[in-house]
Amino acid sequence: MTHHGTQGPGATATGNIDRASVEMAIDSRMSVRAFKPDPVDRSTLEQILSVASRAPSGTNTQPWKVYVLQGSARDSLVEKVCAAHDSVRVDPSQAAAYQEEYDYYPAEWVSPYIDRRRDNGWGLYGLLGIGKGDKDRMHAQHQRNFRFFDAPVGMMFTLDKVMGRGSLVDYGMFLQNLMVLARAHGLHTCPQAAWNHYSRIILPHVGAAESEMLVCGMALGYADESNVVNTYRTPREPVASFTRWLGS
């Protein structure tokens, strides 16, 4: 894909980059599931979003739209979605009213993806001591998503429905930029597709237009290093398993 934007202030096309810092920011990024209540300055958030917007996008369309929730705006959304999540548990037929607007996950799982998904789920639940049949604790842990894992900052990301699939590729690069930049500021994040089912509640709450769809949510703040859940580190496949070398 091509990107026809201009260099940002102070940016240069060439020059030395501190490779170790870049690698550390990427490698230390993880999905944090317990945050401290410490607030994050708006100026820090604006700086992160500004630099993250240097992400490439096809013909420089820059399709991302961001809604930042803090304080009462955050808390009232948490209350609404947690109530809906509880209602669906009591009456599963209500789930039909809460549908995501695009397929984040496949309709039919196959290996090796289903195996990785299961390993991830049971690895996390095992760490937390949640057994396979413990539906109450599973529900409570899943609902932690809808409390932003106690992070003081929640973000919702939307996309105009008129845009094509390629914009989701662009969006992924923007989100990765944001998460890596958060690390540079001593912050952590957790990208969350769990919110997508509740877009009918979220979009009016944040004031999004009917032409927008929810891409995902994200929790952002300072990690609670004392919480055991943040010791969970997902594995990665070795390069040889997903790379095919052609030519010399």
C-alpha atoms as a PDB file:
ATOM      1  CA  MET A   1       0.000   0.000   0.000  1.00  0.00           C
ATOM      2  CA  THR A   2       1.167   3.533  -0.613  1.00  0.00           C
ATOM      3  CA  HIS A   3       1.007   6.431   1.762  1.00  0.00           C
ATOM      4  CA  HIS A   4       1.188   9.895   0.289  1.00  0.00           C
ATOM      5  CA  GLY A   5       1.260  11.926   3.502  1.00  0.00           C
ATOM      6  CA  THR A   6       4.084  14.316   4.319  1.00  0.00           C
ATOM      7  CA  GLN A   7       6.636  13.900   7.065  1.00  0.00           C
ATOM      8  CA  GLY A   8       5.445  15.156  10.437  1.00  0.00           C
ATOM      9  CA  PRO A   9       7.143  17.921  12.434  1.00  0.00           C
ATOM     10  CA  GLY A  10      10.696  16.963  13.263  1.00  0.00           C
ATOM     11  CA  ALA A  11      10.464  13.709  11.303  1.00  0.00           C
ATOM     12  CA  THR A  12      13.197  12.655   8.923  1.00  0.00           C
ATOM     13  CA  ALA A  13      13.134  10.026   6.222  1.00  0.00           C
ATOM     14  CA  THR A  14      16.577   8.749   7.165  1.00  0.00           C
ATOM     15  CA  GLY A  15      18.693   8.597  10.294  1.00  0.00           C
ATOM     16  CA  ASN A  16      19.600   6.317  13.139  1.00  0.00           C
ATOM     17  CA  ILE A  17      16.862   4.809  15.300  1.00  0.00           C
ATOM     18  CA  ASP A  18      17.373   3.404  18.781  1.00  0.00           C
ATOM     19  CA  ARG A  19      16.599  -0.179  17.821  1.00  0.00           C
ATOM     20  CA  ALA A  20      16.690  -1.519  21.387  1.00  0.00           C
ATOM     21  CA  SER A  21      14.033   0.941  22.556  1.00  0.00           C
ATOM     22  CA  VAL A  22      11.766   0.159  19.611  1.00  0.00           C
ATOM     23  CA  GLU A  23      12.131  -3.575  20.156  1.00  0.00           C
ATOM     24  CA  MET A  24      11.541  -3.229  23.892  1.00  0.00           C
ATOM     25  CA  ALA A  25       8.367  -1.187  23.371  1.00  0.00           C
ATOM     26  CA  ILE A  26       6.974  -3.810  20.999  1.00  0.00           C
ATOM     27  CA  ASP A  27       8.067  -6.833  23.021  1.00  0.00           C
ATOM     28  CA  SER A  28       6.780  -5.424  26.324  1.00  0.00           C
ATOM     29  CA  ARG A  29       3.341  -4.699  24.906  1.00  0.00           C
ATOM     30  CA  MET A  30       0.828  -7.124  26.356  1.00  0.00           C
ATOM     31  CA  SER A  31      -2.882  -7.295  27.100  1.00  0.00           C
ATOM     32  CA  VAL A  32      -3.003  -5.977  30.656  1.00  0.00           C
ATOM     33  CA  ARG A  33      -6.050  -7.121  32.615  1.00  0.00           C
ATOM     34  CA  ALA A  34      -5.604  -5.159  35.843  1.00  0.00           C
ATOM     35  CA  PHE A  35      -4.872  -1.442  36.036  1.00  0.00           C
ATOM     36  CA  LYS A  36      -4.176   1.089  38.745  1.00  0.00           C
ATOM     37  CA  PRO A  37      -6.713   3.930  39.163  1.00  0.00           C
ATOM     38  CA  ASP A  38      -4.012   6.574  38.555  1.00  0.00           C
ATOM     39  CA  PRO A  39      -5.264   9.132  35.997  1.00  0.00           C
ATOM     40  CA  VAL A  40      -3.566   9.767  32.662  1.00  0.00           C
ATOM     41  CA  ASP A  41      -3.043  13.363  31.553  1.00  0.00           C
ATOM     42  CA  ARG A  42      -4.968  14.491  28.509  1.00  0.00           C
ATOM     43  CA  SER A  43      -1.777  15.960  27.067  1.00  0.00           C
ATOM     44  CA  THR A  44      -0.178  12.497  27.186  1.00  0.00           C
ATOM     45  CA  LEU A  45      -3.152  10.953  25.435  1.00  0.00           C
ATOM     46  CA  GLU A  46      -3.119  13.652  22.762  1.00  0.00           C
ATOM     47  CA  GLN A  47       0.596  13.106  22.162  1.00  0.00           C
ATOM     48  CA  ILE A  48       0.100   9.351  21.794  1.00  0.00           C
ATOM     49  CA  LEU A  49      -2.827   9.777  19.402  1.00  0.00           C
ATOM     50  CA  SER A  50      -0.987  12.404  17.367  1.00  0.00           C
ATOM     51  CA  VAL A  51       2.062  10.220  16.762  1.00  0.00           C
ATOM     52  CA  ALA A  52      -0.062   7.077  16.292  1.00  0.00           C
ATOM     53  CA  SER A  53      -1.840   8.825  13.431  1.00  0.00           C
ATOM     54  CA  ARG A  54       1.373   8.538  11.413  1.00  0.00           C
ATOM     55  CA  ALA A  55       0.216   4.976  10.696  1.00  0.00           C
ATOM     56  CA  PRO A  56       0.012   4.234   6.973  1.00  0.00           C
ATOM     57  CA  SER A  57      -3.369   4.042   5.296  1.00  0.00           C
ATOM     58  CA  GLY A  58      -4.327   3.401   1.693  1.00  0.00           C
ATOM     59  CA  THR A  59      -4.148   6.708  -0.234  1.00  0.00           C
ATOM     60  CA  ASN A  60      -3.878   8.449   3.151  1.00  0.00           C
ATOM     61  CA  THR A  61      -7.563   7.944   3.988  1.00  0.00           C
ATOM     62  CA  GLN A  62      -6.817   7.852   7.753  1.00  0.00           C
ATOM     63  CA  PRO A  63     -10.094   6.032   8.516  1.00  0.00           C
ATOM     64  CA  TRP A  64      -9.840   5.978  12.324  1.00  0.00           C
ATOM     65  CA  LYS A  65     -12.223   7.784  14.654  1.00  0.00           C
ATOM     66  CA  VAL A  66     -11.478   7.718  18.371  1.00  0.00           C
ATOM     67  CA  TYR A  67     -13.707   8.317  21.400  1.00  0.00           C
ATOM     68  CA  VAL A  68     -11.875   8.708  24.730  1.00  0.00           C
ATOM     69  CA  LEU A  69     -13.914   7.952  27.856  1.00  0.00           C
ATOM     70  CA  GLN A  70     -12.886   9.087  31.330  1.00  0.00           C
ATOM     71  CA  GLY A  71     -14.665   9.896  34.573  1.00  0.00           C
ATOM     72  CA  SER A  72     -18.452   9.803  34.518  1.00  0.00           C
ATOM     73  CA  ALA A  73     -18.620   9.135  30.762  1.00  0.00           C
ATOM     74  CA  ARG A  74     -16.541   6.005  31.275  1.00  0.00           C
ATOM     75  CA  ASP A  75     -18.366   4.913  34.409  1.00  0.00           C
ATOM     76  CA  SER A  76     -21.861   5.255  32.958  1.00  0.00           C
ATOM     77  CA  LEU A  77     -20.927   3.204  29.879  1.00  0.00           C
ATOM     78  CA  VAL A  78     -19.501   0.490  32.147  1.00  0.00           C
ATOM     79  CA  GLU A  79     -22.772   0.423  34.084  1.00  0.00           C
ATOM     80  CA  LYS A  80     -24.908   0.146  30.934  1.00  0.00           C
ATOM     81  CA  VAL A  81     -22.908  -2.613  29.255  1.00  0.00           C
ATOM     82  CA  CYS A  82     -22.396  -4.649  32.428  1.00  0.00           C
ATOM     83  CA  ALA A  83     -26.166  -4.581  32.968  1.00  0.00           C
ATOM     84  CA  ALA A  84     -26.738  -5.798  29.406  1.00  0.00           C
ATOM     85  CA  HIS A  85     -24.117  -8.514  29.830  1.00  0.00           C
ATOM     86  CA  ASP A  86     -25.819  -9.717  33.026  1.00  0.00           C
ATOM     87  CA  SER A  87     -29.219  -9.700  31.300  1.00  0.00           C
ATOM     88  CA  VAL A  88     -27.937 -11.887  28.465  1.00  0.00           C
ATOM     89  CA  ARG A  89     -26.673 -14.393  30.987  1.00  0.00           C
ATOM     90  CA  VAL A  90     -30.086 -14.572  32.652  1.00  0.00           C
ATOM     91  CA  ASP A  91     -31.920 -14.766  29.319  1.00  0.00           C
ATOM     92  CA  PRO A  92     -29.617 -15.975  26.487  1.00  0.00           C
ATOM     93  CA  SER A  93     -32.261 -15.145  23.877  1.00  0.00           C
ATOM     94  CA  GLN A  94     -31.400 -11.474  24.441  1.00  0.00           C
ATOM     95  CA  ALA A  95     -28.016 -12.085  22.799  1.00  0.00           C
ATOM     96  CA  ALA A  96     -29.728 -11.712  19.413  1.00  0.00           C
ATOM     97  CA  ALA A  97     -30.180  -8.018  20.205  1.00  0.00           C
ATOM     98  CA  TYR A  98     -26.439  -7.550  20.646  1.00  0.00           C
ATOM     99  CA  GLN A  99     -24.629  -8.442  17.442  1.00  0.00           C
ATOM    100  CA  GLU A 100     -21.221  -7.266  16.272  1.00  0.00           C
ATOM    101  CA  GLU A 101     -21.211  -5.423  12.967  1.00  0.00           C
ATOM    102  CA  TYR A 102     -18.408  -7.405  11.372  1.00  0.00           C
ATOM    103  CA  ASP A 103     -17.023 -10.894  11.904  1.00  0.00           C
ATOM    104  CA  TYR A 104     -14.005 -10.529  14.124  1.00  0.00           C
ATOM    105  CA  TYR A 105     -13.721 -14.278  14.629  1.00  0.00           C
ATOM    106  CA  PRO A 106     -14.421 -17.095  12.133  1.00  0.00           C
ATOM    107  CA  ALA A 107     -17.835 -18.740  12.001  1.00  0.00           C
ATOM    108  CA  GLU A 108     -16.113 -22.139  12.080  1.00  0.00           C
ATOM    109  CA  TRP A 109     -12.865 -22.692  13.953  1.00  0.00           C
ATOM    110  CA  VAL A 110     -10.123 -24.953  12.575  1.00  0.00           C
ATOM    111  CA  SER A 111      -6.633 -25.913  13.713  1.00  0.00           C
ATOM    112  CA  PRO A 112      -4.197 -24.449  14.530  1.00  0.00           C
ATOM    113  CA  TYR A 113      -6.260 -21.374  15.435  1.00  0.00           C
ATOM    114  CA  ILE A 114      -8.776 -23.149  17.661  1.00  0.00           C
ATOM    115  CA  ASP A 115      -5.905 -24.816  19.514  1.00  0.00           C
ATOM    116  CA  ARG A 116      -4.202 -21.494  20.211  1.00  0.00           C
ATOM    117  CA  ARG A 117      -7.509 -19.979  21.309  1.00  0.00           C
ATOM    118  CA  ARG A 118      -8.144 -22.802  23.761  1.00  0.00           C
ATOM    119  CA  ASP A 119      -4.606 -22.680  25.111  1.00  0.00           C
ATOM    120  CA  ASN A 120      -4.966 -18.949  25.645  1.00  0.00           C
ATOM    121  CA  GLY A 121      -8.292 -19.225  27.450  1.00  0.00           C
ATOM    122  CA  TRP A 122      -7.344 -22.077  29.741  1.00  0.00           C
ATOM    123  CA  GLY A 123      -3.911 -20.637  30.380  1.00  0.00           C
ATOM    124  CA  LEU A 124      -5.494 -17.439  31.667  1.00  0.00           C
ATOM    125  CA  TYR A 125      -8.297 -19.139  33.597  1.00  0.00           C
ATOM    126  CA  GLY A 126      -5.851 -21.648  35.041  1.00  0.00           C
ATOM    127  CA  LEU A 127      -3.674 -18.828  36.362  1.00  0.00           C
ATOM    128  CA  LEU A 128      -6.740 -17.309  38.012  1.00  0.00           C
ATOM    129  CA  GLY A 129      -7.886 -20.637  39.431  1.00  0.00           C
ATOM    130  CA  ILE A 130     -11.111 -20.662  37.415  1.00  0.00           C
ATOM    131  CA  GLY A 131     -12.198 -24.231  36.676  1.00  0.00           C
ATOM    132  CA  LYS A 132     -13.843 -25.418  33.463  1.00  0.00           C
ATOM    133  CA  GLY A 133     -17.317 -25.639  34.987  1.00  0.00           C
ATOM    134  CA  ASP A 134     -17.134 -22.480  37.098  1.00  0.00           C
ATOM    135  CA  LYS A 135     -19.580 -20.423  35.064  1.00  0.00           C
ATOM    136  CA  ASP A 136     -20.061 -17.744  37.724  1.00  0.00           C
ATOM    137  CA  ARG A 137     -16.371 -16.863  37.862  1.00  0.00           C
ATOM    138  CA  MET A 138     -16.034 -17.144  34.085  1.00  0.00           C
ATOM    139  CA  HIS A 139     -18.842 -14.646  33.667  1.00  0.00           C
ATOM    140  CA  ALA A 140     -17.290 -12.305  36.231  1.00  0.00           C
ATOM    141  CA  GLN A 141     -13.885 -12.496  34.561  1.00  0.00           C
ATOM    142  CA  HIS A 142     -15.371 -11.883  31.121  1.00  0.00           C
ATOM    143  CA  GLN A 143     -17.228  -8.885  32.516  1.00  0.00           C
ATOM    144  CA  ARG A 144     -13.893  -7.407  33.567  1.00  0.00           C
ATOM    145  CA  ASN A 145     -13.638  -6.422  29.901  1.00  0.00           C
ATOM    146  CA  PHE A 146     -16.679  -4.203  30.323  1.00  0.00           C
ATOM    147  CA  ARG A 147     -15.083  -2.493  33.296  1.00  0.00           C
ATOM    148  CA  PHE A 148     -11.996  -1.707  31.205  1.00  0.00           C
ATOM    149  CA  PHE A 149     -10.139  -3.892  33.722  1.00  0.00           C
ATOM    150  CA  ASP A 150     -10.386  -0.853  36.050  1.00  0.00           C
ATOM    151  CA  ALA A 151      -8.294   1.327  33.712  1.00  0.00           C
ATOM    152  CA  PRO A 152      -9.093   5.047  34.092  1.00  0.00           C
ATOM    153  CA  VAL A 153      -9.163   5.518  30.310  1.00  0.00           C
ATOM    154  CA  GLY A 154     -11.406   3.659  27.906  1.00  0.00           C
ATOM    155  CA  MET A 155     -11.281   4.150  24.158  1.00  0.00           C
ATOM    156  CA  MET A 156     -13.745   3.250  21.451  1.00  0.00           C
ATOM    157  CA  PHE A 157     -12.678   3.099  17.823  1.00  0.00           C
ATOM    158  CA  THR A 158     -15.091   3.438  14.939  1.00  0.00           C
ATOM    159  CA  LEU A 159     -14.986   3.310  11.167  1.00  0.00           C
ATOM    160  CA  ASP A 160     -17.369   4.730   8.580  1.00  0.00           C
ATOM    161  CA  LYS A 161     -19.349   1.812   7.178  1.00  0.00           C
ATOM    162  CA  VAL A 162     -18.786   3.058   3.647  1.00  0.00           C
ATOM    163  CA  MET A 163     -15.108   2.125   3.873  1.00  0.00           C
ATOM    164  CA  GLY A 164     -13.798  -1.200   2.561  1.00  0.00           C
ATOM    165  CA  ARG A 165     -12.006  -4.107   4.240  1.00  0.00           C
ATOM    166  CA  GLY A 166      -8.627  -2.520   3.588  1.00  0.00           C
ATOM    167  CA  SER A 167      -9.457   0.166   6.120  1.00  0.00           C
ATOM    168  CA  LEU A 168      -9.465  -2.498   8.835  1.00  0.00           C
ATOM    169  CA  VAL A 169      -5.878  -3.298   7.842  1.00  0.00           C
ATOM    170  CA  ASP A 170      -5.043   0.413   8.140  1.00  0.00           C
ATOM    171  CA  TYR A 171      -6.850   0.524  11.476  1.00  0.00           C
ATOM    172  CA  GLY A 172      -4.780  -2.334  12.854  1.00  0.00           C
ATOM    173  CA  MET A 173      -1.582  -0.422  12.162  1.00  0.00           C
ATOM    174  CA  PHE A 174      -2.980   2.661  13.884  1.00  0.00           C
ATOM    175  CA  LEU A 175      -3.959   0.625  16.943  1.00  0.00           C
ATOM    176  CA  GLN A 176      -0.548  -1.038  17.106  1.00  0.00           C
ATOM    177  CA  ASN A 177       1.115   2.372  16.926  1.00  0.00           C
ATOM    178  CA  LEU A 178      -1.062   3.552  19.799  1.00  0.00           C
ATOM    179  CA  MET A 179      -0.262   0.534  21.972  1.00  0.00           C
ATOM    180  CA  VAL A 180       3.484   0.733  21.358  1.00  0.00           C
ATOM    181  CA  LEU A 181       3.507   4.477  22.021  1.00  0.00           C
ATOM    182  CA  ALA A 182       1.664   3.871  25.286  1.00  0.00           C
ATOM    183  CA  ARG A 183       4.631   1.743  26.365  1.00  0.00           C
ATOM    184  CA  ALA A 184       6.975   4.628  25.575  1.00  0.00           C
ATOM    185  CA  HIS A 185       4.994   6.684  28.121  1.00  0.00           C
ATOM    186  CA  GLY A 186       5.096   3.960  30.783  1.00  0.00           C
ATOM    187  CA  LEU A 187       1.491   2.986  30.089  1.00  0.00           C
ATOM    188  CA  HIS A 188      -0.161  -0.282  29.158  1.00  0.00           C
ATOM    189  CA  THR A 189      -3.207  -1.220  27.131  1.00  0.00           C
ATOM    190  CA  CYS A 190      -5.645  -4.018  26.422  1.00  0.00           C
ATOM    191  CA  PRO A 191      -7.305  -4.064  22.980  1.00  0.00           C
ATOM    192  CA  GLN A 192     -10.833  -5.443  23.359  1.00  0.00           C
ATOM    193  CA  ALA A 193     -13.096  -6.961  20.729  1.00  0.00           C
ATOM    194  CA  ALA A 194     -15.467  -8.005  23.536  1.00  0.00           C
ATOM    195  CA  TRP A 195     -17.196  -4.624  23.361  1.00  0.00           C
ATOM    196  CA  ASN A 196     -18.233  -5.161  19.721  1.00  0.00           C
ATOM    197  CA  HIS A 197     -21.398  -7.068  20.622  1.00  0.00           C
ATOM    198  CA  TYR A 198     -22.695  -4.036  22.507  1.00  0.00           C
ATOM    199  CA  SER A 199     -22.253  -1.419  19.798  1.00  0.00           C
ATOM    200  CA  ARG A 200     -25.972  -0.533  19.933  1.00  0.00           C
ATOM    201  CA  ILE A 201     -25.337   0.756  23.475  1.00  0.00           C
ATOM    202  CA  ILE A 202     -21.856   2.170  22.908  1.00  0.00           C
ATOM    203  CA  LEU A 203     -22.312   4.171  19.708  1.00  0.00           C
ATOM    204  CA  PRO A 204     -25.176   6.371  20.993  1.00  0.00           C
ATOM    205  CA  HIS A 205     -23.338   6.782  24.306  1.00  0.00           C
ATOM    206  CA  VAL A 206     -20.243   8.244  22.635  1.00  0.00           C
ATOM    207  CA  GLY A 207     -22.236  10.270  20.111  1.00  0.00           C
ATOM    208  CA  ALA A 208     -21.159   8.335  17.025  1.00  0.00           C
ATOM    209  CA  ALA A 209     -23.104   8.818  13.805  1.00  0.00           C
ATOM    210  CA  GLU A 210     -25.336   6.095  12.347  1.00  0.00           C
ATOM    211  CA  SER A 211     -22.824   5.820   9.503  1.00  0.00           C
ATOM    212  CA  GLU A 212     -20.145   4.498  11.901  1.00  0.00           C
ATOM    213  CA  MET A 213     -19.466   0.976  13.121  1.00  0.00           C
ATOM    214  CA  LEU A 214     -17.522  -0.112  16.168  1.00  0.00           C
ATOM    215  CA  VAL A 215     -14.098  -1.611  15.411  1.00  0.00           C
ATOM    216  CA  CYS A 216     -13.069  -2.385  19.006  1.00  0.00           C
ATOM    217  CA  GLY A 217     -12.504  -0.893  22.427  1.00  0.00           C
ATOM    218  CA  MET A 218      -9.335  -0.463  24.441  1.00  0.00           C
ATOM    219  CA  ALA A 219      -8.354  -0.027  28.080  1.00  0.00           C
ATOM    220  CA  LEU A 220      -5.397   2.252  28.809  1.00  0.00           C
ATOM    221  CA  GLY A 221      -3.606   3.162  32.014  1.00  0.00           C
ATOM    222  CA  TYR A 222      -0.847   2.119  34.393  1.00  0.00           C
ATOM    223  CA  ALA A 223      -0.563  -1.629  34.960  1.00  0.00           C
ATOM    224  CA  ASP A 224      -1.161  -3.044  38.419  1.00  0.00           C
ATOM    225  CA  GLU A 225       2.057  -5.038  38.626  1.00  0.00           C
ATOM    226  CA  SER A 226       0.958  -6.680  41.894  1.00  0.00           C
ATOM    227  CA  ASN A 227      -1.997  -8.473  40.265  1.00  0.00           C
ATOM    228  CA  VAL A 228      -1.235 -12.056  39.262  1.00  0.00           C
ATOM    229  CA  VAL A 229      -3.267 -11.737  36.058  1.00  0.00           C
ATOM    230  CA  ASN A 230      -0.557  -9.492  34.636  1.00  0.00           C
ATOM    231  CA  THR A 231       2.018 -12.256  34.904  1.00  0.00           C
ATOM    232  CA  TYR A 232       0.239 -14.041  32.049  1.00  0.00           C
ATOM    233  CA  ARG A 233       2.347 -13.829  28.899  1.00  0.00           C
ATOM    234  CA  THR A 234       1.049 -15.371  25.696  1.00  0.00           C
ATOM    235  CA  PRO A 235       3.491 -17.388  23.580  1.00  0.00           C
ATOM    236  CA  ARG A 236       4.381 -16.678  19.963  1.00  0.00           C
ATOM    237  CA  GLU A 237       5.075 -19.071  17.126  1.00  0.00           C
ATOM    238  CA  PRO A 238       8.684 -19.209  15.911  1.00  0.00           C
ATOM    239  CA  VAL A 239       9.490 -17.426  12.657  1.00  0.00           C
ATOM    240  CA  ALA A 240      10.047 -20.754  10.900  1.00  0.00           C
ATOM    241  CA  SER A 241       6.427 -21.780  11.520  1.00  0.00           C
ATOM    242  CA  PHE A 242       4.841 -18.858   9.660  1.00  0.00           C
ATOM    243  CA  THR A 243       7.528 -17.834   7.140  1.00  0.00           C
ATOM    244  CA  ARG A 244       8.417 -19.314   3.772  1.00  0.00           C
ATOM    245  CA  TRP A 245      11.693 -18.160   2.234  1.00  0.00           C
ATOM    246  CA  LEU A 246      11.848 -17.935  -1.552  1.00  0.00           C
ATOM    247  CA  GLY A 247      14.965 -17.341  -3.602  1.00  0.00           C
ATOM    248  CA  SER A 248      18.414 -16.609  -2.242  1.00  0.00           C
END
